[in-house]
Amino acid sequence: MFSIEHEFDSTVVTLVDEGQAPLYEDIVINAFEECVTIEQYDPHNDRTQTVTLSMSQLRDLGAALNLPEGVYSIETKPA
């Protein structure tokens, strides 16, 4: 299950783990104009962990999900 909310300066997607145990904490993805953050509560440390991706890293991640094993470089064409 997931939810999508539009905030003032970002779009927030929350992913809820469903299914058989063990279940993981919700993941919250904040999409800003200049970056994307991924947050998940860590119950072992009692704090929220945050990872920040640049838009370039996000683009590369999206491409990587559909490619076989290897090393790649994405070139952007000038506008």
C-alpha atoms as a PDB file:
ATOM      1  CA  MET A   1       0.000   0.000   0.000  1.00  0.00           C
ATOM      2  CA  PHE A   2       1.188   3.537  -0.617  1.00  0.00           C
ATOM      3  CA  SER A   3      -0.054   7.106  -0.382  1.00  0.00           C
ATOM      4  CA  ILE A   4       0.767  10.252  -2.358  1.00  0.00           C
ATOM      5  CA  GLU A   5       0.430  13.762  -0.938  1.00  0.00           C
ATOM      6  CA  HIS A   6       1.291  17.104  -2.504  1.00  0.00           C
ATOM      7  CA  GLU A   7       2.868  19.508  -0.022  1.00  0.00           C
ATOM      8  CA  PHE A   8       3.877  23.140  -0.561  1.00  0.00           C
ATOM      9  CA  ASP A   9       7.408  22.379  -1.777  1.00  0.00           C
ATOM     10  CA  SER A  10       7.412  18.613  -2.401  1.00  0.00           C
ATOM     11  CA  THR A  11       5.484  15.505  -3.298  1.00  0.00           C
ATOM     12  CA  VAL A  12       5.463  12.932  -0.505  1.00  0.00           C
ATOM     13  CA  VAL A  13       5.082   9.214  -1.223  1.00  0.00           C
ATOM     14  CA  THR A  14       4.738   6.841   1.725  1.00  0.00           C
ATOM     15  CA  LEU A  15       5.295   3.109   1.167  1.00  0.00           C
ATOM     16  CA  VAL A  16       3.732   0.778   3.740  1.00  0.00           C
ATOM     17  CA  ASP A  17       5.137  -2.750   4.058  1.00  0.00           C
ATOM     18  CA  GLU A  18       2.356  -5.326   3.820  1.00  0.00           C
ATOM     19  CA  GLY A  19       2.387  -9.091   3.902  1.00  0.00           C
ATOM     20  CA  GLN A  20       3.890 -11.656   6.172  1.00  0.00           C
ATOM     21  CA  ALA A  21       6.131 -10.797   9.103  1.00  0.00           C
ATOM     22  CA  PRO A  22       8.726  -9.528   9.531  1.00  0.00           C
ATOM     23  CA  LEU A  23       7.437  -6.199   8.294  1.00  0.00           C
ATOM     24  CA  TYR A  24       9.651  -3.145   7.911  1.00  0.00           C
ATOM     25  CA  GLU A  25       8.928   0.444   8.922  1.00  0.00           C
ATOM     26  CA  ASP A  26       7.220   2.770   6.419  1.00  0.00           C
ATOM     27  CA  ILE A  27       9.412   4.479   3.836  1.00  0.00           C
ATOM     28  CA  VAL A  28       8.740   8.166   3.154  1.00  0.00           C
ATOM     29  CA  ILE A  29       9.984   9.637  -0.126  1.00  0.00           C
ATOM     30  CA  ASN A  30      10.074  13.434  -0.452  1.00  0.00           C
ATOM     31  CA  ALA A  31      10.479  14.681  -4.030  1.00  0.00           C
ATOM     32  CA  PHE A  32      11.748  18.256  -4.084  1.00  0.00           C
ATOM     33  CA  GLU A  33      12.737  20.328  -7.121  1.00  0.00           C
ATOM     34  CA  GLU A  34      16.473  19.796  -6.562  1.00  0.00           C
ATOM     35  CA  CYS A  35      16.667  16.406  -4.777  1.00  0.00           C
ATOM     36  CA  VAL A  36      14.786  13.415  -3.394  1.00  0.00           C
ATOM     37  CA  THR A  37      15.012  12.211   0.201  1.00  0.00           C
ATOM     38  CA  ILE A  38      14.189   8.722   1.421  1.00  0.00           C
ATOM     39  CA  GLU A  39      13.425   8.311   5.130  1.00  0.00           C
ATOM     40  CA  GLN A  40      12.813   5.263   7.287  1.00  0.00           C
ATOM     41  CA  TYR A  41      12.486   4.981  11.049  1.00  0.00           C
ATOM     42  CA  ASP A  42      15.154   2.721  12.583  1.00  0.00           C
ATOM     43  CA  PRO A  43      13.716   1.132  15.746  1.00  0.00           C
ATOM     44  CA  HIS A  44      17.130  -0.234  16.790  1.00  0.00           C
ATOM     45  CA  ASN A  45      18.566   3.290  17.084  1.00  0.00           C
ATOM     46  CA  ASP A  46      15.231   5.034  17.779  1.00  0.00           C
ATOM     47  CA  ARG A  47      15.809   7.578  15.008  1.00  0.00           C
ATOM     48  CA  THR A  48      14.878   8.253  11.417  1.00  0.00           C
ATOM     49  CA  GLN A  49      17.541   7.541   8.807  1.00  0.00           C
ATOM     50  CA  THR A  50      17.603   9.810   5.730  1.00  0.00           C
ATOM     51  CA  VAL A  51      19.259   9.310   2.344  1.00  0.00           C
ATOM     52  CA  THR A  52      19.397  12.214  -0.138  1.00  0.00           C
ATOM     53  CA  LEU A  53      19.637  11.608  -3.892  1.00  0.00           C
ATOM     54  CA  SER A  54      20.426  14.270  -6.460  1.00  0.00           C
ATOM     55  CA  MET A  55      18.171  14.351  -9.495  1.00  0.00           C
ATOM     56  CA  SER A  56      21.050  12.816 -11.477  1.00  0.00           C
ATOM     57  CA  GLN A  57      21.348   9.924  -9.008  1.00  0.00           C
ATOM     58  CA  LEU A  58      17.591   9.399  -9.139  1.00  0.00           C
ATOM     59  CA  ARG A  59      17.678   9.277 -12.948  1.00  0.00           C
ATOM     60  CA  ASP A  60      20.508   6.725 -12.806  1.00  0.00           C
ATOM     61  CA  LEU A  61      18.613   4.614 -10.259  1.00  0.00           C
ATOM     62  CA  GLY A  62      15.546   4.563 -12.493  1.00  0.00           C
ATOM     63  CA  ALA A  63      17.646   3.446 -15.451  1.00  0.00           C
ATOM     64  CA  ALA A  64      19.511   0.835 -13.385  1.00  0.00           C
ATOM     65  CA  LEU A  65      16.306  -0.918 -12.387  1.00  0.00           C
ATOM     66  CA  ASN A  66      15.778  -1.935 -16.032  1.00  0.00           C
ATOM     67  CA  LEU A  67      19.325  -2.905 -17.053  1.00  0.00           C
ATOM     68  CA  PRO A  68      21.400  -6.078 -16.680  1.00  0.00           C
ATOM     69  CA  GLU A  69      24.522  -6.293 -14.523  1.00  0.00           C
ATOM     70  CA  GLY A  70      27.310  -3.941 -15.634  1.00  0.00           C
ATOM     71  CA  VAL A  71      28.720  -0.405 -15.345  1.00  0.00           C
ATOM     72  CA  TYR A  72      26.917   2.359 -17.219  1.00  0.00           C
ATOM     73  CA  SER A  73      27.083   6.082 -17.874  1.00  0.00           C
ATOM     74  CA  ILE A  74      24.045   8.013 -19.037  1.00  0.00           C
ATOM     75  CA  GLU A  75      24.708  10.869 -21.412  1.00  0.00           C
ATOM     76  CA  THR A  76      22.231  13.697 -21.731  1.00  0.00           C
ATOM     77  CA  LYS A  77      21.812  15.429 -25.063  1.00  0.00           C
ATOM     78  CA  PRO A  78      22.005  19.235 -25.118  1.00  0.00           C
ATOM     79  CA  ALA A  79      18.638  20.939 -25.443  1.00  0.00           C
END
